[in-house]
Structure formats: structure tokens, C-alpha cells
Amino acid sequence: MSNVKKTGYKLTYEDAVQVHLMIMDGWIHSRIAAHFGTNQGRISEVNTGKRFPGSYAEALRRHPDAA
């Protein structure tokens, strides 16, 4: 999460997992989009499962607060 991507960056599955983790940690969509250099629509598609199905389950598995 330390690298800010250039505009027009195409999200990967690993990015999608990071998006879910960021949302779980309270980040807002616009900040996540800026971080990855994409638009809020792509972040919303990841969040709703339209892109990268299964990434939410993986994020839950990785999240430190998941029981």
C-alpha cells in the first residue's frame, strides 16, 4: 500500500484484496481510488463484488480483527 499508482492503473486481484482491507479500516472510496490511481467506480465495483469475486473473503481472512 505504500506506492501510489499512476492514473489509469488497472487493478489486480491483490489490489482488490487491499481495497477491501482499506474499506474495513475506514478509508473512503475517493481516497482509495486516489491511492491506486483509478476512479471511484472501480473501487465500488470491487466493493460490491462485480470485480474480483472472492477478494472480500480473502480480505476477511487476512484482516487482523477477523475472528
PDB file of N, CA and C in Angstrom:
ATOM      1  N   MET A   1       0.806  -1.186   0.000  1.00  0.00           N
ATOM      2  CA  MET A   1       0.000   0.000   0.000  1.00  0.00           C
ATOM      3  C   MET A   1       0.855   1.257   0.000  1.00  0.00           C
ATOM      4  N   SER A   2       2.131   1.117  -0.048  1.00  0.00           N
ATOM      5  CA  SER A   2       2.976   2.300   0.058  1.00  0.00           C
ATOM      6  C   SER A   2       3.162   3.042  -1.269  1.00  0.00           C
ATOM      7  N   ASN A   3       2.938   2.385  -2.387  1.00  0.00           N
ATOM      8  CA  ASN A   3       3.149   3.032  -3.678  1.00  0.00           C
ATOM      9  C   ASN A   3       1.853   3.623  -4.191  1.00  0.00           C
ATOM     10  N   VAL A   4       1.898   4.874  -4.582  1.00  0.00           N
ATOM     11  CA  VAL A   4       0.745   5.482  -5.227  1.00  0.00           C
ATOM     12  C   VAL A   4       0.872   5.195  -6.711  1.00  0.00           C
ATOM     13  N   LYS A   5      -0.182   4.640  -7.285  1.00  0.00           N
ATOM     14  CA  LYS A   5      -0.162   4.239  -8.685  1.00  0.00           C
ATOM     15  C   LYS A   5      -0.437   5.438  -9.589  1.00  0.00           C
ATOM     16  N   LYS A   6      -0.035   5.313 -10.854  1.00  0.00           N
ATOM     17  CA  LYS A   6      -0.306   6.368 -11.834  1.00  0.00           C
ATOM     18  C   LYS A   6      -1.766   6.305 -12.278  1.00  0.00           C
ATOM     19  N   THR A   7      -2.273   7.392 -12.811  1.00  0.00           N
ATOM     20  CA  THR A   7      -3.646   7.464 -13.280  1.00  0.00           C
ATOM     21  C   THR A   7      -3.888   6.423 -14.364  1.00  0.00           C
ATOM     22  N   GLY A   8      -5.059   5.796 -14.303  1.00  0.00           N
ATOM     23  CA  GLY A   8      -5.422   4.804 -15.293  1.00  0.00           C
ATOM     24  C   GLY A   8      -4.904   3.415 -14.975  1.00  0.00           C
ATOM     25  N   TYR A   9      -4.403   3.222 -13.784  1.00  0.00           N
ATOM     26  CA  TYR A   9      -3.882   1.932 -13.349  1.00  0.00           C
ATOM     27  C   TYR A   9      -4.991   0.895 -13.353  1.00  0.00           C
ATOM     28  N   LYS A  10      -4.700  -0.315 -13.836  1.00  0.00           N
ATOM     29  CA  LYS A  10      -5.668  -1.398 -13.850  1.00  0.00           C
ATOM     30  C   LYS A  10      -5.475  -2.246 -12.594  1.00  0.00           C
ATOM     31  N   LEU A  11      -6.519  -2.333 -11.795  1.00  0.00           N
ATOM     32  CA  LEU A  11      -6.449  -3.060 -10.536  1.00  0.00           C
ATOM     33  C   LEU A  11      -6.216  -4.550 -10.757  1.00  0.00           C
ATOM     34  N   THR A  12      -5.466  -5.160  -9.849  1.00  0.00           N
ATOM     35  CA  THR A  12      -5.235  -6.599  -9.854  1.00  0.00           C
ATOM     36  C   THR A  12      -6.053  -7.231  -8.725  1.00  0.00           C
ATOM     37  N   TYR A  13      -6.057  -8.563  -8.675  1.00  0.00           N
ATOM     38  CA  TYR A  13      -6.744  -9.264  -7.595  1.00  0.00           C
ATOM     39  C   TYR A  13      -6.155  -8.855  -6.246  1.00  0.00           C
ATOM     40  N   GLU A  14      -4.846  -8.785  -6.156  1.00  0.00           N
ATOM     41  CA  GLU A  14      -4.197  -8.390  -4.899  1.00  0.00           C
ATOM     42  C   GLU A  14      -4.584  -6.969  -4.509  1.00  0.00           C
ATOM     43  N   ASP A  15      -4.687  -6.083  -5.498  1.00  0.00           N
ATOM     44  CA  ASP A  15      -5.161  -4.723  -5.221  1.00  0.00           C
ATOM     45  C   ASP A  15      -6.575  -4.768  -4.657  1.00  0.00           C
ATOM     46  N   ALA A  16      -7.421  -5.634  -5.225  1.00  0.00           N
ATOM     47  CA  ALA A  16      -8.808  -5.738  -4.767  1.00  0.00           C
ATOM     48  C   ALA A  16      -8.858  -6.172  -3.305  1.00  0.00           C
ATOM     49  N   VAL A  17      -8.004  -7.106  -2.928  1.00  0.00           N
ATOM     50  CA  VAL A  17      -7.937  -7.515  -1.528  1.00  0.00           C
ATOM     51  C   VAL A  17      -7.544  -6.321  -0.665  1.00  0.00           C
ATOM     52  N   GLN A  18      -6.565  -5.557  -1.134  1.00  0.00           N
ATOM     53  CA  GLN A  18      -6.137  -4.369  -0.388  1.00  0.00           C
ATOM     54  C   GLN A  18      -7.260  -3.335  -0.299  1.00  0.00           C
ATOM     55  N   VAL A  19      -8.043  -3.196  -1.368  1.00  0.00           N
ATOM     56  CA  VAL A  19      -9.192  -2.275  -1.353  1.00  0.00           C
ATOM     57  C   VAL A  19     -10.147  -2.668  -0.231  1.00  0.00           C
ATOM     58  N   HIS A  20     -10.482  -3.945  -0.151  1.00  0.00           N
ATOM     59  CA  HIS A  20     -11.389  -4.403   0.909  1.00  0.00           C
ATOM     60  C   HIS A  20     -10.795  -4.147   2.293  1.00  0.00           C
ATOM     61  N   LEU A  21      -9.512  -4.404   2.444  1.00  0.00           N
ATOM     62  CA  LEU A  21      -8.865  -4.161   3.734  1.00  0.00           C
ATOM     63  C   LEU A  21      -8.904  -2.675   4.096  1.00  0.00           C
ATOM     64  N   MET A  22      -8.702  -1.818   3.106  1.00  0.00           N
ATOM     65  CA  MET A  22      -8.739  -0.383   3.345  1.00  0.00           C
ATOM     66  C   MET A  22     -10.142   0.064   3.748  1.00  0.00           C
ATOM     67  N   ILE A  23     -11.155  -0.487   3.083  1.00  0.00           N
ATOM     68  CA  ILE A  23     -12.546  -0.165   3.438  1.00  0.00           C
ATOM     69  C   ILE A  23     -12.833  -0.625   4.866  1.00  0.00           C
ATOM     70  N   MET A  24     -12.361  -1.820   5.217  1.00  0.00           N
ATOM     71  CA  MET A  24     -12.551  -2.334   6.583  1.00  0.00           C
ATOM     72  C   MET A  24     -11.885  -1.429   7.617  1.00  0.00           C
ATOM     73  N   ASP A  25     -10.805  -0.785   7.203  1.00  0.00           N
ATOM     74  CA  ASP A  25     -10.075   0.104   8.110  1.00  0.00           C
ATOM     75  C   ASP A  25     -10.610   1.533   8.105  1.00  0.00           C
ATOM     76  N   GLY A  26     -11.689   1.778   7.348  1.00  0.00           N
ATOM     77  CA  GLY A  26     -12.350   3.075   7.403  1.00  0.00           C
ATOM     78  C   GLY A  26     -11.996   4.051   6.296  1.00  0.00           C
ATOM     79  N   TRP A  27     -11.213   3.625   5.309  1.00  0.00           N
ATOM     80  CA  TRP A  27     -10.889   4.511   4.192  1.00  0.00           C
ATOM     81  C   TRP A  27     -12.151   4.769   3.371  1.00  0.00           C
ATOM     82  N   ILE A  28     -12.276   5.978   2.813  1.00  0.00           N
ATOM     83  CA  ILE A  28     -13.397   6.281   1.922  1.00  0.00           C
ATOM     84  C   ILE A  28     -12.983   5.993   0.478  1.00  0.00           C
ATOM     85  N   HIS A  29     -13.983   5.714  -0.353  1.00  0.00           N
ATOM     86  CA  HIS A  29     -13.733   5.290  -1.733  1.00  0.00           C
ATOM     87  C   HIS A  29     -12.869   6.273  -2.519  1.00  0.00           C
ATOM     88  N   SER A  30     -13.110   7.565  -2.322  1.00  0.00           N
ATOM     89  CA  SER A  30     -12.352   8.553  -3.098  1.00  0.00           C
ATOM     90  C   SER A  30     -10.864   8.503  -2.748  1.00  0.00           C
ATOM     91  N   ARG A  31     -10.536   8.294  -1.491  1.00  0.00           N
ATOM     92  CA  ARG A  31      -9.126   8.202  -1.081  1.00  0.00           C
ATOM     93  C   ARG A  31      -8.483   6.924  -1.599  1.00  0.00           C
ATOM     94  N   ILE A  32      -9.248   5.832  -1.570  1.00  0.00           N
ATOM     95  CA  ILE A  32      -8.725   4.563  -2.096  1.00  0.00           C
ATOM     96  C   ILE A  32      -8.467   4.693  -3.589  1.00  0.00           C
ATOM     97  N   ALA A  33      -9.412   5.297  -4.297  1.00  0.00           N
ATOM     98  CA  ALA A  33      -9.260   5.489  -5.739  1.00  0.00           C
ATOM     99  C   ALA A  33      -8.025   6.324  -6.042  1.00  0.00           C
ATOM    100  N   ALA A  34      -7.826   7.391  -5.300  1.00  0.00           N
ATOM    101  CA  ALA A  34      -6.649   8.234  -5.497  1.00  0.00           C
ATOM    102  C   ALA A  34      -5.369   7.455  -5.211  1.00  0.00           C
ATOM    103  N   HIS A  35      -5.382   6.635  -4.191  1.00  0.00           N
ATOM    104  CA  HIS A  35      -4.216   5.834  -3.831  1.00  0.00           C
ATOM    105  C   HIS A  35      -3.797   4.913  -4.980  1.00  0.00           C
ATOM    106  N   PHE A  36      -4.784   4.298  -5.632  1.00  0.00           N
ATOM    107  CA  PHE A  36      -4.500   3.359  -6.714  1.00  0.00           C
ATOM    108  C   PHE A  36      -4.462   4.015  -8.095  1.00  0.00           C
ATOM    109  N   GLY A  37      -4.817   5.289  -8.174  1.00  0.00           N
ATOM    110  CA  GLY A  37      -4.803   5.965  -9.470  1.00  0.00           C
ATOM    111  C   GLY A  37      -5.905   5.484 -10.389  1.00  0.00           C
ATOM    112  N   THR A  38      -7.058   5.199  -9.835  1.00  0.00           N
ATOM    113  CA  THR A  38      -8.211   4.764 -10.607  1.00  0.00           C
ATOM    114  C   THR A  38      -9.396   5.617 -10.187  1.00  0.00           C
ATOM    115  N   ASN A  39     -10.582   5.281 -10.664  1.00  0.00           N
ATOM    116  CA  ASN A  39     -11.731   6.092 -10.273  1.00  0.00           C
ATOM    117  C   ASN A  39     -12.587   5.375  -9.235  1.00  0.00           C
ATOM    118  N   GLN A  40     -13.471   6.124  -8.619  1.00  0.00           N
ATOM    119  CA  GLN A  40     -14.299   5.579  -7.543  1.00  0.00           C
ATOM    120  C   GLN A  40     -15.222   4.462  -8.022  1.00  0.00           C
ATOM    121  N   GLY A  41     -15.572   4.490  -9.294  1.00  0.00           N
ATOM    122  CA  GLY A  41     -16.422   3.434  -9.854  1.00  0.00           C
ATOM    123  C   GLY A  41     -15.756   2.077  -9.775  1.00  0.00           C
ATOM    124  N   ARG A  42     -14.447   2.019 -10.037  1.00  0.00           N
ATOM    125  CA  ARG A  42     -13.720   0.750  -9.953  1.00  0.00           C
ATOM    126  C   ARG A  42     -13.679   0.247  -8.517  1.00  0.00           C
ATOM    127  N   ILE A  43     -13.521   1.181  -7.574  1.00  0.00           N
ATOM    128  CA  ILE A  43     -13.493   0.806  -6.161  1.00  0.00           C
ATOM    129  C   ILE A  43     -14.859   0.271  -5.745  1.00  0.00           C
ATOM    130  N   SER A  44     -15.914   0.925  -6.209  1.00  0.00           N
ATOM    131  CA  SER A  44     -17.271   0.470  -5.921  1.00  0.00           C
ATOM    132  C   SER A  44     -17.519  -0.922  -6.506  1.00  0.00           C
ATOM    133  N   GLU A  45     -17.029  -1.172  -7.719  1.00  0.00           N
ATOM    134  CA  GLU A  45     -17.196  -2.492  -8.339  1.00  0.00           C
ATOM    135  C   GLU A  45     -16.480  -3.584  -7.544  1.00  0.00           C
ATOM    136  N   VAL A  46     -15.319  -3.260  -7.019  1.00  0.00           N
ATOM    137  CA  VAL A  46     -14.608  -4.216  -6.159  1.00  0.00           C
ATOM    138  C   VAL A  46     -15.416  -4.438  -4.884  1.00  0.00           C
ATOM    139  N   ASN A  47     -15.881  -3.353  -4.280  1.00  0.00           N
ATOM    140  CA  ASN A  47     -16.609  -3.423  -3.020  1.00  0.00           C
ATOM    141  C   ASN A  47     -17.895  -4.244  -3.140  1.00  0.00           C
ATOM    142  N   THR A  48     -18.586  -4.140  -4.259  1.00  0.00           N
ATOM    143  CA  THR A  48     -19.850  -4.867  -4.443  1.00  0.00           C
ATOM    144  C   THR A  48     -19.656  -6.267  -5.008  1.00  0.00           C
ATOM    145  N   GLY A  49     -18.423  -6.620  -5.344  1.00  0.00           N
ATOM    146  CA  GLY A  49     -18.155  -7.962  -5.848  1.00  0.00           C
ATOM    147  C   GLY A  49     -18.301  -8.126  -7.351  1.00  0.00           C
ATOM    148  N   LYS A  50     -18.537  -7.033  -8.075  1.00  0.00           N
ATOM    149  CA  LYS A  50     -18.645  -7.109  -9.531  1.00  0.00           C
ATOM    150  C   LYS A  50     -17.287  -7.380 -10.172  1.00  0.00           C
ATOM    151  N   ARG A  51     -16.238  -6.896  -9.539  1.00  0.00           N
ATOM    152  CA  ARG A  51     -14.868  -7.183  -9.980  1.00  0.00           C
ATOM    153  C   ARG A  51     -14.180  -8.002  -8.895  1.00  0.00           C
ATOM    154  N   PHE A  52     -13.419  -8.968  -9.330  1.00  0.00           N
ATOM    155  CA  PHE A  52     -12.620  -9.809  -8.444  1.00  0.00           C
ATOM    156  C   PHE A  52     -13.441 -10.500  -7.355  1.00  0.00           C
ATOM    157  N   PRO A  53     -14.412 -11.326  -7.779  1.00  0.00           N
ATOM    158  CA  PRO A  53     -15.160 -12.100  -6.784  1.00  0.00           C
ATOM    159  C   PRO A  53     -14.180 -12.933  -5.949  1.00  0.00           C
ATOM    160  N   GLY A  54     -14.452 -13.051  -4.698  1.00  0.00           N
ATOM    161  CA  GLY A  54     -13.587 -13.812  -3.803  1.00  0.00           C
ATOM    162  C   GLY A  54     -12.559 -12.958  -3.079  1.00  0.00           C
ATOM    163  N   SER A  55     -12.362 -11.738  -3.560  1.00  0.00           N
ATOM    164  CA  SER A  55     -11.367 -10.880  -2.918  1.00  0.00           C
ATOM    165  C   SER A  55     -11.822 -10.441  -1.524  1.00  0.00           C
ATOM    166  N   TYR A  56     -13.128 -10.314  -1.324  1.00  0.00           N
ATOM    167  CA  TYR A  56     -13.631  -9.940   0.002  1.00  0.00           C
ATOM    168  C   TYR A  56     -13.349 -11.046   1.015  1.00  0.00           C
ATOM    169  N   ALA A  57     -13.609 -12.289   0.624  1.00  0.00           N
ATOM    170  CA  ALA A  57     -13.349 -13.421   1.518  1.00  0.00           C
ATOM    171  C   ALA A  57     -11.868 -13.498   1.871  1.00  0.00           C
ATOM    172  N   GLU A  58     -11.010 -13.252   0.906  1.00  0.00           N
ATOM    173  CA  GLU A  58      -9.570 -13.260   1.159  1.00  0.00           C
ATOM    174  C   GLU A  58      -9.186 -12.121   2.099  1.00  0.00           C
ATOM    175  N   ALA A  59      -9.796 -10.953   1.919  1.00  0.00           N
ATOM    176  CA  ALA A  59      -9.519  -9.818   2.805  1.00  0.00           C
ATOM    177  C   ALA A  59      -9.961 -10.128   4.234  1.00  0.00           C
ATOM    178  N   LEU A  60     -11.112 -10.755   4.373  1.00  0.00           N
ATOM    179  CA  LEU A  60     -11.574 -11.151   5.712  1.00  0.00           C
ATOM    180  C   LEU A  60     -10.577 -12.102   6.361  1.00  0.00           C
ATOM    181  N   ARG A  61     -10.056 -13.025   5.581  1.00  0.00           N
ATOM    182  CA  ARG A  61      -9.091 -13.990   6.102  1.00  0.00           C
ATOM    183  C   ARG A  61      -7.823 -13.282   6.587  1.00  0.00           C
ATOM    184  N   ARG A  62      -7.402 -12.236   5.866  1.00  0.00           N
ATOM    185  CA  ARG A  62      -6.166 -11.530   6.190  1.00  0.00           C
ATOM    186  C   ARG A  62      -6.323 -10.435   7.250  1.00  0.00           C
ATOM    187  N   HIS A  63      -7.533  -9.958   7.452  1.00  0.00           N
ATOM    188  CA  HIS A  63      -7.727  -8.816   8.349  1.00  0.00           C
ATOM    189  C   HIS A  63      -7.386  -9.210   9.776  1.00  0.00           C
ATOM    190  N   PRO A  64      -6.593  -8.387  10.453  1.00  0.00           N
ATOM    191  CA  PRO A  64      -6.144  -8.728  11.808  1.00  0.00           C
ATOM    192  C   PRO A  64      -7.281  -8.823  12.832  1.00  0.00           C
ATOM    193  N   ASP A  65      -8.399  -8.145  12.599  1.00  0.00           N
ATOM    194  CA  ASP A  65      -9.507  -8.192  13.544  1.00  0.00           C
ATOM    195  C   ASP A  65     -10.506  -9.308  13.250  1.00  0.00           C
ATOM    196  N   ALA A  66     -10.279 -10.046  12.168  1.00  0.00           N
ATOM    197  CA  ALA A  66     -11.203 -11.141  11.815  1.00  0.00           C
ATOM    198  C   ALA A  66     -11.043 -12.272  12.832  1.00  0.00           C
ATOM    199  N   ALA A  67     -12.157 -12.780  13.264  1.00  0.00           N
ATOM    200  CA  ALA A  67     -12.109 -13.839  14.288  1.00  0.00           C
ATOM    201  C   ALA A  67     -12.270 -15.201  13.667  1.00  0.00           C
TER     202      ALA A  67
END
